[in-house]
């Protein structure tokens, strides 16, 4: 957020544009929700809860796409500097994308979640 507060574009501070503030707020909401669902899954696993399979499927379905969205938004909000080797944002995006692929895609985890809570699969 400091970058948006100090960078000038078109004669104005980038942080003064309302649309950018909304994008940052959306990222904050995504990060907060991802943290909550991940903490719940960890708590269920640590406690040996019967809800652990549902909690982990829910966390895997939500956190991967949220991490990719947040990293993509950060890259966009930082403009050209986000694409350079001097700034680490591109590394976070690469990590988010590779992790979301390595741990399975969100659609597969949502299918698992639906099966675990007895929701019928949609007709093909």
Foldseek 3Di string as FASTA:
>chain_A
DVCQQPDDDPRDRNVVDVVLVVLVVVLVVLVVVLVVLVVVLVVCVVVVHPCNLLSVLVNLLRNLVSQLSNLVSVLVSNPPVSPDPVDCSVVSNVVSNVVNVVVDHNVVSVVSNCVVVVNDDDDD
